[in-house]
């Protein structure tokens, strides 16, 4: 018989209680909610930060090259 294993309500209740107890103790839950994921994200997108770093570092490199070679 290839039916998938279905946990009993008692087993599900035990696992839910363990999860709630761990969450109260401060342990990380198995999966973060969408709200928690969005709260952890930076307000600046990665591509915008990369662009700023590229412009600043590129400008510094061009200035150093101008001072050294000209």
PDB file of N, CA and C in Angstrom:
ATOM      1  N   UNK A   1       0.845  -1.191   0.000  1.00  0.00           N
ATOM      2  CA  UNK A   1       0.000   0.000   0.000  1.00  0.00           C
ATOM      3  C   UNK A   1       0.887   1.249   0.000  1.00  0.00           C
ATOM      4  N   UNK A   2       0.663   2.165  -0.925  1.00  0.00           N
ATOM      5  CA  UNK A   2       1.511   3.351  -1.065  1.00  0.00           C
ATOM      6  C   UNK A   2       0.856   4.612  -0.528  1.00  0.00           C
ATOM      7  N   UNK A   3      -0.001   4.513   0.468  1.00  0.00           N
ATOM      8  CA  UNK A   3      -0.640   5.707   1.026  1.00  0.00           C
ATOM      9  C   UNK A   3       0.359   6.439   1.906  1.00  0.00           C
ATOM     10  N   UNK A   4       0.374   7.769   1.841  1.00  0.00           N
ATOM     11  CA  UNK A   4       1.315   8.528   2.673  1.00  0.00           C
ATOM     12  C   UNK A   4       0.916   8.462   4.149  1.00  0.00           C
ATOM     13  N   UNK A   5       1.895   8.604   4.994  1.00  0.00           N
ATOM     14  CA  UNK A   5       1.678   8.550   6.440  1.00  0.00           C
ATOM     15  C   UNK A   5       0.927   9.796   6.886  1.00  0.00           C
ATOM     16  N   UNK A   6      -0.168   9.605   7.596  1.00  0.00           N
ATOM     17  CA  UNK A   6      -0.960  10.718   8.127  1.00  0.00           C
ATOM     18  C   UNK A   6      -0.818  10.700   9.646  1.00  0.00           C
ATOM     19  N   UNK A   7      -0.228  11.752  10.253  1.00  0.00           N
ATOM     20  CA  UNK A   7      -0.069  11.730  11.713  1.00  0.00           C
ATOM     21  C   UNK A   7      -1.434  11.816  12.402  1.00  0.00           C
ATOM     22  N   UNK A   8      -1.485  11.245  13.593  1.00  0.00           N
ATOM     23  CA  UNK A   8      -2.721  11.292  14.368  1.00  0.00           C
ATOM     24  C   UNK A   8      -2.883  12.673  14.979  1.00  0.00           C
ATOM     25  N   UNK A   9      -4.071  12.977  15.432  1.00  0.00           N
ATOM     26  CA  UNK A   9      -4.309  14.283  16.040  1.00  0.00           C
ATOM     27  C   UNK A   9      -3.480  14.441  17.316  1.00  0.00           C
ATOM     28  N   UNK A  10      -3.251  13.347  18.027  1.00  0.00           N
ATOM     29  CA  UNK A  10      -2.426  13.410  19.232  1.00  0.00           C
ATOM     30  C   UNK A  10      -0.993  13.815  18.885  1.00  0.00           C
ATOM     31  N   UNK A  11      -0.424  13.203  17.839  1.00  0.00           N
ATOM     32  CA  UNK A  11       0.936  13.543  17.412  1.00  0.00           C
ATOM     33  C   UNK A  11       1.014  14.992  16.938  1.00  0.00           C
ATOM     34  N   UNK A  12       0.011  15.433  16.199  1.00  0.00           N
ATOM     35  CA  UNK A  12       0.003  16.822  15.724  1.00  0.00           C
ATOM     36  C   UNK A  12      -0.081  17.798  16.896  1.00  0.00           C
ATOM     37  N   UNK A  13      -0.893  17.458  17.898  1.00  0.00           N
ATOM     38  CA  UNK A  13      -1.020  18.316  19.073  1.00  0.00           C
ATOM     39  C   UNK A  13       0.306  18.394  19.810  1.00  0.00           C
ATOM     40  N   UNK A  14       1.002  17.269  19.941  1.00  0.00           N
ATOM     41  CA  UNK A  14       2.300  17.269  20.618  1.00  0.00           C
ATOM     42  C   UNK A  14       3.309  18.135  19.873  1.00  0.00           C
ATOM     43  N   UNK A  15       3.354  18.001  18.549  1.00  0.00           N
ATOM     44  CA  UNK A  15       4.305  18.792  17.766  1.00  0.00           C
ATOM     45  C   UNK A  15       3.966  20.279  17.829  1.00  0.00           C
ATOM     46  N   UNK A  16       2.679  20.621  17.809  1.00  0.00           N
ATOM     47  CA  UNK A  16       2.277  22.024  17.915  1.00  0.00           C
ATOM     48  C   UNK A  16       2.662  22.600  19.275  1.00  0.00           C
ATOM     49  N   UNK A  17       2.482  21.818  20.338  1.00  0.00           N
ATOM     50  CA  UNK A  17       2.872  22.284  21.666  1.00  0.00           C
ATOM     51  C   UNK A  17       4.382  22.478  21.763  1.00  0.00           C
ATOM     52  N   UNK A  18       5.153  21.572  21.180  1.00  0.00           N
ATOM     53  CA  UNK A  18       6.612  21.703  21.190  1.00  0.00           C
ATOM     54  C   UNK A  18       7.037  22.944  20.414  1.00  0.00           C
ATOM     55  N   UNK A  19       6.409  23.183  19.267  1.00  0.00           N
ATOM     56  CA  UNK A  19       6.738  24.358  18.466  1.00  0.00           C
ATOM     57  C   UNK A  19       6.417  25.637  19.239  1.00  0.00           C
ATOM     58  N   UNK A  20       5.251  25.685  19.884  1.00  0.00           N
ATOM     59  CA  UNK A  20       4.866  26.872  20.654  1.00  0.00           C
ATOM     60  C   UNK A  20       5.820  27.086  21.827  1.00  0.00           C
ATOM     61  N   UNK A  21       6.217  25.992  22.492  1.00  0.00           N
ATOM     62  CA  UNK A  21       7.147  26.098  23.620  1.00  0.00           C
ATOM     63  C   UNK A  21       8.502  26.625  23.145  1.00  0.00           C
ATOM     64  N   UNK A  22       8.999  26.091  22.028  1.00  0.00           N
ATOM     65  CA  UNK A  22      10.274  26.566  21.490  1.00  0.00           C
ATOM     66  C   UNK A  22      10.188  28.033  21.087  1.00  0.00           C
ATOM     67  N   UNK A  23       9.066  28.430  20.505  1.00  0.00           N
ATOM     68  CA  UNK A  23       8.904  29.829  20.088  1.00  0.00           C
ATOM     69  C   UNK A  23       8.896  30.749  21.307  1.00  0.00           C
ATOM     70  N   UNK A  24       8.268  30.311  22.396  1.00  0.00           N
ATOM     71  CA  UNK A  24       8.257  31.132  23.613  1.00  0.00           C
ATOM     72  C   UNK A  24       9.649  31.251  24.214  1.00  0.00           C
ATOM     73  N   UNK A  25      10.456  30.200  24.075  1.00  0.00           N
ATOM     74  CA  UNK A  25      11.805  30.217  24.628  1.00  0.00           C
ATOM     75  C   UNK A  25      12.781  31.012  23.763  1.00  0.00           C
ATOM     76  N   UNK A  26      12.326  31.454  22.615  1.00  0.00           N
ATOM     77  CA  UNK A  26      13.169  32.280  21.773  1.00  0.00           C
ATOM     78  C   UNK A  26      13.900  31.529  20.692  1.00  0.00           C
ATOM     79  N   UNK A  27      13.627  30.239  20.543  1.00  0.00           N
ATOM     80  CA  UNK A  27      14.276  29.494  19.475  1.00  0.00           C
ATOM     81  C   UNK A  27      13.654  29.884  18.150  1.00  0.00           C
ATOM     82  N   UNK A  28      14.445  29.809  17.091  1.00  0.00           N
ATOM     83  CA  UNK A  28      13.951  30.193  15.776  1.00  0.00           C
ATOM     84  C   UNK A  28      12.908  29.211  15.281  1.00  0.00           C
ATOM     85  N   UNK A  29      11.803  29.717  14.752  1.00  0.00           N
ATOM     86  CA  UNK A  29      10.821  28.809  14.161  1.00  0.00           C
ATOM     87  C   UNK A  29      11.371  28.191  12.881  1.00  0.00           C
ATOM     88  N   UNK A  30      10.733  27.138  12.414  1.00  0.00           N
ATOM     89  CA  UNK A  30      11.211  26.427  11.235  1.00  0.00           C
ATOM     90  C   UNK A  30      11.207  27.327  10.004  1.00  0.00           C
ATOM     91  N   UNK A  31      10.145  28.076   9.805  1.00  0.00           N
ATOM     92  CA  UNK A  31      10.062  28.979   8.662  1.00  0.00           C
ATOM     93  C   UNK A  31       9.594  30.341   9.146  1.00  0.00           C
ATOM     94  N   UNK A  32      10.197  31.390   8.626  1.00  0.00           N
ATOM     95  CA  UNK A  32       9.763  32.737   8.962  1.00  0.00           C
ATOM     96  C   UNK A  32       8.520  33.082   8.160  1.00  0.00           C
ATOM     97  N   UNK A  33       7.653  33.872   8.749  1.00  0.00           N
ATOM     98  CA  UNK A  33       6.469  34.298   8.019  1.00  0.00           C
ATOM     99  C   UNK A  33       6.870  35.361   6.997  1.00  0.00           C
ATOM    100  N   UNK A  34       5.988  35.617   6.053  1.00  0.00           N
ATOM    101  CA  UNK A  34       6.259  36.633   5.020  1.00  0.00           C
ATOM    102  C   UNK A  34       6.471  38.003   5.659  1.00  0.00           C
ATOM    103  N   UNK A  35       5.706  38.301   6.695  1.00  0.00           N
ATOM    104  CA  UNK A  35       5.838  39.577   7.392  1.00  0.00           C
ATOM    105  C   UNK A  35       7.223  39.710   8.030  1.00  0.00           C
ATOM    106  N   UNK A  36       7.711  38.637   8.643  1.00  0.00           N
ATOM    107  CA  UNK A  36       9.039  38.662   9.267  1.00  0.00           C
ATOM    108  C   UNK A  36      10.146  38.789   8.219  1.00  0.00           C
ATOM    109  N   UNK A  37       9.981  38.101   7.075  1.00  0.00           N
ATOM    110  CA  UNK A  37      10.966  38.207   6.007  1.00  0.00           C
ATOM    111  C   UNK A  37      11.059  39.634   5.487  1.00  0.00           C
ATOM    112  N   UNK A  38       9.907  40.276   5.296  1.00  0.00           N
ATOM    113  CA  UNK A  38       9.905  41.649   4.797  1.00  0.00           C
ATOM    114  C   UNK A  38      10.489  42.612   5.820  1.00  0.00           C
ATOM    115  N   UNK A  39      10.300  42.331   7.104  1.00  0.00           N
ATOM    116  CA  UNK A  39      10.841  43.198   8.147  1.00  0.00           C
ATOM    117  C   UNK A  39      12.363  43.119   8.202  1.00  0.00           C
ATOM    118  N   UNK A  40      12.932  41.954   7.835  1.00  0.00           N
ATOM    119  CA  UNK A  40      14.379  41.796   7.880  1.00  0.00           C
ATOM    120  C   UNK A  40      15.087  42.356   6.659  1.00  0.00           C
ATOM    121  N   UNK A  41      14.351  42.641   5.587  1.00  0.00           N
ATOM    122  CA  UNK A  41      14.976  43.125   4.370  1.00  0.00           C
ATOM    123  C   UNK A  41      15.468  44.558   4.547  1.00  0.00           C
ATOM    124  N   UNK A  42      16.522  44.876   3.835  1.00  0.00           N
ATOM    125  CA  UNK A  42      17.061  46.224   3.859  1.00  0.00           C
ATOM    126  C   UNK A  42      16.141  47.154   3.070  1.00  0.00           C
ATOM    127  N   UNK A  43      16.010  48.417   3.487  1.00  0.00           N
ATOM    128  CA  UNK A  43      15.163  49.337   2.730  1.00  0.00           C
ATOM    129  C   UNK A  43      15.771  49.728   1.384  1.00  0.00           C
ATOM    130  N   UNK A  44      17.075  49.494   1.213  1.00  0.00           N
ATOM    131  CA  UNK A  44      17.749  49.818  -0.050  1.00  0.00           C
ATOM    132  C   UNK A  44      17.979  48.522  -0.818  1.00  0.00           C
ATOM    133  N   UNK A  45      17.521  48.441  -2.068  1.00  0.00           N
ATOM    134  CA  UNK A  45      17.763  47.219  -2.845  1.00  0.00           C
ATOM    135  C   UNK A  45      19.263  46.994  -3.074  1.00  0.00           C
ATOM    136  N   UNK A  46      19.623  45.752  -3.272  1.00  0.00           N
ATOM    137  CA  UNK A  46      21.026  45.383  -3.445  1.00  0.00           C
ATOM    138  C   UNK A  46      21.611  46.054  -4.681  1.00  0.00           C
ATOM    139  N   UNK A  47      20.851  46.129  -5.774  1.00  0.00           N
ATOM    140  CA  UNK A  47      21.372  46.726  -7.008  1.00  0.00           C
ATOM    141  C   UNK A  47      21.646  48.215  -6.817  1.00  0.00           C
ATOM    142  N   UNK A  48      20.822  48.913  -6.031  1.00  0.00           N
ATOM    143  CA  UNK A  48      21.045  50.336  -5.799  1.00  0.00           C
ATOM    144  C   UNK A  48      22.309  50.549  -4.955  1.00  0.00           C
ATOM    145  N   UNK A  49      22.500  49.706  -3.978  1.00  0.00           N
ATOM    146  CA  UNK A  49      23.702  49.795  -3.148  1.00  0.00           C
ATOM    147  C   UNK A  49      24.946  49.514  -3.986  1.00  0.00           C
ATOM    148  N   UNK A  50      24.854  48.507  -4.869  1.00  0.00           N
ATOM    149  CA  UNK A  50      25.971  48.197  -5.762  1.00  0.00           C
ATOM    150  C   UNK A  50      26.290  49.346  -6.694  1.00  0.00           C
ATOM    151  N   UNK A  51      25.264  50.020  -7.190  1.00  0.00           N
ATOM    152  CA  UNK A  51      25.469  51.168  -8.079  1.00  0.00           C
ATOM    153  C   UNK A  51      26.187  52.304  -7.351  1.00  0.00           C
ATOM    154  N   UNK A  52      25.775  52.576  -6.127  1.00  0.00           N
ATOM    155  CA  UNK A  52      26.419  53.639  -5.343  1.00  0.00           C
ATOM    156  C   UNK A  52      27.883  53.304  -5.074  1.00  0.00           C
ATOM    157  N   UNK A  53      28.152  52.066  -4.700  1.00  0.00           N
ATOM    158  CA  UNK A  53      29.532  51.642  -4.436  1.00  0.00           C
ATOM    159  C   UNK A  53      30.366  51.734  -5.713  1.00  0.00           C
ATOM    160  N   UNK A  54      29.792  51.324  -6.842  1.00  0.00           N
ATOM    161  CA  UNK A  54      30.502  51.394  -8.113  1.00  0.00           C
ATOM    162  C   UNK A  54      30.836  52.840  -8.478  1.00  0.00           C
ATOM    163  N   UNK A  55      29.886  53.742  -8.305  1.00  0.00           N
ATOM    164  CA  UNK A  55      30.123  55.152  -8.653  1.00  0.00           C
ATOM    165  C   UNK A  55      31.189  55.757  -7.740  1.00  0.00           C
ATOM    166  N   UNK A  56      31.095  55.505  -6.452  1.00  0.00           N
ATOM    167  CA  UNK A  56      32.060  56.093  -5.510  1.00  0.00           C
ATOM    168  C   UNK A  56      33.456  55.514  -5.734  1.00  0.00           C
ATOM    169  N   UNK A  57      33.562  54.185  -5.778  1.00  0.00           N
ATOM    170  CA  UNK A  57      34.882  53.564  -5.966  1.00  0.00           C
ATOM    171  C   UNK A  57      35.443  53.886  -7.346  1.00  0.00           C
ATOM    172  N   UNK A  58      34.599  53.892  -8.363  1.00  0.00           N
ATOM    173  CA  UNK A  58      35.061  54.237  -9.706  1.00  0.00           C
ATOM    174  C   UNK A  58      35.580  55.659  -9.759  1.00  0.00           C
ATOM    175  N   UNK A  59      34.883  56.573  -9.105  1.00  0.00           N
ATOM    176  CA  UNK A  59      35.330  57.968  -9.061  1.00  0.00           C
ATOM    177  C   UNK A  59      36.666  58.110  -8.357  1.00  0.00           C
ATOM    178  N   UNK A  60      36.844  57.393  -7.278  1.00  0.00           N
ATOM    179  CA  UNK A  60      38.117  57.436  -6.548  1.00  0.00           C
ATOM    180  C   UNK A  60      39.242  56.883  -7.421  1.00  0.00           C
ATOM    181  N   UNK A  61      38.997  55.793  -8.110  1.00  0.00           N
ATOM    182  CA  UNK A  61      40.033  55.205  -8.963  1.00  0.00           C
ATOM    183  C   UNK A  61      40.415  56.145 -10.111  1.00  0.00           C
ATOM    184  N   UNK A  62      39.427  56.777 -10.739  1.00  0.00           N
ATOM    185  CA  UNK A  62      39.732  57.713 -11.822  1.00  0.00           C
ATOM    186  C   UNK A  62      40.511  58.925 -11.316  1.00  0.00           C
ATOM    187  N   UNK A  63      40.175  59.418 -10.135  1.00  0.00           N
ATOM    188  CA  UNK A  63      40.907  60.558  -9.562  1.00  0.00           C
ATOM    189  C   UNK A  63      42.347  60.167  -9.244  1.00  0.00           C
ATOM    190  N   UNK A  64      42.553  58.992  -8.690  1.00  0.00           N
ATOM    191  CA  UNK A  64      43.915  58.540  -8.395  1.00  0.00           C
ATOM    192  C   UNK A  64      44.716  58.369  -9.671  1.00  0.00           C
ATOM    193  N   UNK A  65      44.097  57.814 -10.702  1.00  0.00           N
ATOM    194  CA  UNK A  65      44.782  57.644 -11.987  1.00  0.00           C
ATOM    195  C   UNK A  65      45.123  59.008 -12.584  1.00  0.00           C
ATOM    196  N   UNK A  66      44.209  59.968 -12.458  1.00  0.00           N
ATOM    197  CA  UNK A  66      44.476  61.308 -13.006  1.00  0.00           C
ATOM    198  C   UNK A  66      45.640  61.967 -12.260  1.00  0.00           C
ATOM    199  N   UNK A  67      45.675  61.830 -10.940  1.00  0.00           N
ATOM    200  CA  UNK A  67      46.745  62.440 -10.154  1.00  0.00           C
ATOM    201  C   UNK A  67      48.094  61.778 -10.414  1.00  0.00           C
ATOM    202  N   UNK A  68      48.114  60.485 -10.603  1.00  0.00           N
ATOM    203  CA  UNK A  68      49.371  59.767 -10.777  1.00  0.00           C
ATOM    204  C   UNK A  68      49.913  59.951 -12.200  1.00  0.00           C
ATOM    205  N   UNK A  69      49.072  59.818 -13.195  1.00  0.00           N
ATOM    206  CA  UNK A  69      49.561  59.778 -14.569  1.00  0.00           C
ATOM    207  C   UNK A  69      49.539  61.114 -15.276  1.00  0.00           C
ATOM    208  N   UNK A  70      48.873  62.083 -14.746  1.00  0.00           N
ATOM    209  CA  UNK A  70      48.862  63.397 -15.426  1.00  0.00           C
ATOM    210  C   UNK A  70      49.582  64.457 -14.634  1.00  0.00           C
TER     211      UNK A  70
END
